[in-house]
Amino acid sequence: MNYIKLLTDFTETPGGRYISDGPFSGELFRETILYPKLKKTLEEGGILIVDMDGTYGLCPGFLDEAFGGLARVKKLDPLLILKSIQIISNEEESYIHDIQKYIERR
């Protein structure tokens, strides 16, 4: 099982959508942490757990670019992504639904 804790593996202050928007963007998270871990998880046939708790909040652009970008930019099958990622968000449960929506709509 692979695991990402956004707070410790990336930042406590996630930013906007694109790298050009400033530090700790959704694009940077996807390219440097999320996609490499998901790719490894898919090769191993496991589940990637992504723990979103502990940060100072997550904007929709960050979530869409990080997770929706797996389908749009990386051209991964949305159903495969949804089967391979488990989101933990006890502090803000709406993030789980939002992430699923961004992946499904590409």
C-alpha atoms as a PDB file:
ATOM      1  CA  MET A   1       0.000   0.000   0.000  1.00  0.00           C
ATOM      2  CA  ASN A   2       1.286   3.456  -0.924  1.00  0.00           C
ATOM      3  CA  TYR A   3       0.533   6.516   1.151  1.00  0.00           C
ATOM      4  CA  ILE A   4       0.726  10.302   0.725  1.00  0.00           C
ATOM      5  CA  LYS A   5       0.127  12.712   3.589  1.00  0.00           C
ATOM      6  CA  LEU A   6      -0.315  16.112   1.962  1.00  0.00           C
ATOM      7  CA  LEU A   7       0.767  17.956   5.122  1.00  0.00           C
ATOM      8  CA  THR A   8       4.133  16.227   5.520  1.00  0.00           C
ATOM      9  CA  ASP A   9       4.889  15.057   1.981  1.00  0.00           C
ATOM     10  CA  PHE A  10       4.047  18.359   0.285  1.00  0.00           C
ATOM     11  CA  THR A  11       3.005  21.380   2.380  1.00  0.00           C
ATOM     12  CA  GLU A  12       0.642  22.696   5.015  1.00  0.00           C
ATOM     13  CA  THR A  13      -0.275  25.583   2.685  1.00  0.00           C
ATOM     14  CA  PRO A  14      -1.361  24.207  -0.709  1.00  0.00           C
ATOM     15  CA  GLY A  15      -1.662  26.881  -3.371  1.00  0.00           C
ATOM     16  CA  GLY A  16      -3.476  27.417  -6.619  1.00  0.00           C
ATOM     17  CA  ARG A  17      -3.898  25.461  -9.814  1.00  0.00           C
ATOM     18  CA  TYR A  18      -0.697  25.978 -11.828  1.00  0.00           C
ATOM     19  CA  ILE A  19       2.998  26.208 -11.041  1.00  0.00           C
ATOM     20  CA  SER A  20       2.888  29.735 -12.492  1.00  0.00           C
ATOM     21  CA  ASP A  21       0.347  30.668  -9.771  1.00  0.00           C
ATOM     22  CA  GLY A  22       2.989  30.341  -7.064  1.00  0.00           C
ATOM     23  CA  PRO A  23       4.443  27.733  -4.729  1.00  0.00           C
ATOM     24  CA  PHE A  24       2.745  24.453  -3.830  1.00  0.00           C
ATOM     25  CA  SER A  25       0.279  24.313  -6.723  1.00  0.00           C
ATOM     26  CA  GLY A  26      -1.949  21.412  -7.680  1.00  0.00           C
ATOM     27  CA  GLU A  27       0.078  20.986 -10.850  1.00  0.00           C
ATOM     28  CA  LEU A  28       3.326  20.690  -8.858  1.00  0.00           C
ATOM     29  CA  PHE A  29       1.751  18.211  -6.433  1.00  0.00           C
ATOM     30  CA  ARG A  30       0.430  16.083  -9.314  1.00  0.00           C
ATOM     31  CA  GLU A  31       3.702  16.058 -11.226  1.00  0.00           C
ATOM     32  CA  THR A  32       6.150  15.532  -8.345  1.00  0.00           C
ATOM     33  CA  ILE A  33       4.219  13.432  -5.831  1.00  0.00           C
ATOM     34  CA  LEU A  34       0.738  12.243  -6.815  1.00  0.00           C
ATOM     35  CA  TYR A  35       1.349  10.887 -10.328  1.00  0.00           C
ATOM     36  CA  PRO A  36       4.661   9.145  -9.510  1.00  0.00           C
ATOM     37  CA  LYS A  37       3.078   7.426  -6.473  1.00  0.00           C
ATOM     38  CA  LEU A  38      -0.058   6.507  -8.432  1.00  0.00           C
ATOM     39  CA  LYS A  39       2.021   5.112 -11.295  1.00  0.00           C
ATOM     40  CA  LYS A  40       3.938   2.926  -8.831  1.00  0.00           C
ATOM     41  CA  THR A  41       0.667   1.852  -7.210  1.00  0.00           C
ATOM     42  CA  LEU A  42      -0.833   0.883 -10.569  1.00  0.00           C
ATOM     43  CA  GLU A  43       2.269  -1.150 -11.435  1.00  0.00           C
ATOM     44  CA  GLU A  44       2.059  -2.974  -8.094  1.00  0.00           C
ATOM     45  CA  GLY A  45      -1.706  -3.416  -8.240  1.00  0.00           C
ATOM     46  CA  GLY A  46      -2.456  -1.746  -4.918  1.00  0.00           C
ATOM     47  CA  ILE A  47      -4.293   1.245  -3.519  1.00  0.00           C
ATOM     48  CA  LEU A  48      -2.846   4.730  -3.038  1.00  0.00           C
ATOM     49  CA  ILE A  49      -4.102   6.412   0.121  1.00  0.00           C
ATOM     50  CA  VAL A  50      -3.993  10.212   0.024  1.00  0.00           C
ATOM     51  CA  ASP A  51      -4.503  11.915   3.398  1.00  0.00           C
ATOM     52  CA  MET A  52      -5.669  15.498   2.908  1.00  0.00           C
ATOM     53  CA  ASP A  53      -6.000  16.410   6.619  1.00  0.00           C
ATOM     54  CA  GLY A  54      -3.885  18.941   8.485  1.00  0.00           C
ATOM     55  CA  THR A  55      -3.455  21.642   5.854  1.00  0.00           C
ATOM     56  CA  TYR A  56      -4.741  25.204   5.969  1.00  0.00           C
ATOM     57  CA  GLY A  57      -7.355  24.426   3.335  1.00  0.00           C
ATOM     58  CA  LEU A  58      -7.511  23.375  -0.283  1.00  0.00           C
ATOM     59  CA  CYS A  59      -8.862  25.514  -3.086  1.00  0.00           C
ATOM     60  CA  PRO A  60     -10.913  23.952  -5.891  1.00  0.00           C
ATOM     61  CA  GLY A  61      -8.218  24.808  -8.464  1.00  0.00           C
ATOM     62  CA  PHE A  62      -5.624  22.835  -6.507  1.00  0.00           C
ATOM     63  CA  LEU A  63      -7.867  19.783  -6.228  1.00  0.00           C
ATOM     64  CA  ASP A  64      -8.997  19.901  -9.858  1.00  0.00           C
ATOM     65  CA  GLU A  65      -5.506  20.287 -11.256  1.00  0.00           C
ATOM     66  CA  ALA A  66      -3.980  17.648  -9.007  1.00  0.00           C
ATOM     67  CA  PHE A  67      -6.646  14.951  -9.280  1.00  0.00           C
ATOM     68  CA  GLY A  68      -8.656  15.890 -12.369  1.00  0.00           C
ATOM     69  CA  GLY A  69      -5.336  16.419 -14.135  1.00  0.00           C
ATOM     70  CA  LEU A  70      -4.572  12.721 -13.751  1.00  0.00           C
ATOM     71  CA  ALA A  71      -7.356  12.069 -16.254  1.00  0.00           C
ATOM     72  CA  ARG A  72      -6.971  15.219 -18.408  1.00  0.00           C
ATOM     73  CA  VAL A  73      -3.207  15.669 -18.558  1.00  0.00           C
ATOM     74  CA  LYS A  74      -1.920  12.171 -17.847  1.00  0.00           C
ATOM     75  CA  LYS A  75      -4.756  10.544 -19.845  1.00  0.00           C
ATOM     76  CA  LEU A  76      -5.530   7.944 -17.178  1.00  0.00           C
ATOM     77  CA  ASP A  77      -8.931   6.242 -17.190  1.00  0.00           C
ATOM     78  CA  PRO A  78     -11.119   7.978 -14.569  1.00  0.00           C
ATOM     79  CA  LEU A  79     -12.547   4.643 -13.385  1.00  0.00           C
ATOM     80  CA  LEU A  80      -9.043   3.269 -12.897  1.00  0.00           C
ATOM     81  CA  ILE A  81      -8.057   6.353 -10.895  1.00  0.00           C
ATOM     82  CA  LEU A  82     -11.149   6.104  -8.697  1.00  0.00           C
ATOM     83  CA  LYS A  83     -10.492   2.403  -8.040  1.00  0.00           C
ATOM     84  CA  SER A  84      -6.826   3.018  -7.232  1.00  0.00           C
ATOM     85  CA  ILE A  85      -7.008   6.050  -4.927  1.00  0.00           C
ATOM     86  CA  GLN A  86      -8.569   6.301  -1.492  1.00  0.00           C
ATOM     87  CA  ILE A  87      -8.927   9.844  -0.143  1.00  0.00           C
ATOM     88  CA  ILE A  88      -8.847  10.560   3.581  1.00  0.00           C
ATOM     89  CA  SER A  89     -10.397  13.870   4.563  1.00  0.00           C
ATOM     90  CA  ASN A  90     -11.840  13.767   8.066  1.00  0.00           C
ATOM     91  CA  GLU A  91     -11.541  17.524   8.563  1.00  0.00           C
ATOM     92  CA  GLU A  92     -13.421  18.458   5.382  1.00  0.00           C
ATOM     93  CA  GLU A  93     -15.401  15.552   3.955  1.00  0.00           C
ATOM     94  CA  SER A  94     -16.532  17.593   0.941  1.00  0.00           C
ATOM     95  CA  TYR A  95     -13.008  17.270  -0.499  1.00  0.00           C
ATOM     96  CA  ILE A  96     -13.655  13.575  -1.137  1.00  0.00           C
ATOM     97  CA  HIS A  97     -16.764  14.279  -3.219  1.00  0.00           C
ATOM     98  CA  ASP A  98     -15.064  17.202  -5.000  1.00  0.00           C
ATOM     99  CA  ILE A  99     -12.041  15.091  -5.952  1.00  0.00           C
ATOM    100  CA  GLN A 100     -14.272  12.332  -7.335  1.00  0.00           C
ATOM    101  CA  LYS A 101     -16.205  14.908  -9.357  1.00  0.00           C
ATOM    102  CA  TYR A 102     -13.011  16.423 -10.821  1.00  0.00           C
ATOM    103  CA  ILE A 103     -11.707  12.985 -11.835  1.00  0.00           C
ATOM    104  CA  GLU A 104     -15.000  11.884 -13.392  1.00  0.00           C
ATOM    105  CA  ARG A 105     -15.521  15.005 -15.473  1.00  0.00           C
ATOM    106  CA  ARG A 106     -11.880  15.256 -16.626  1.00  0.00           C
END
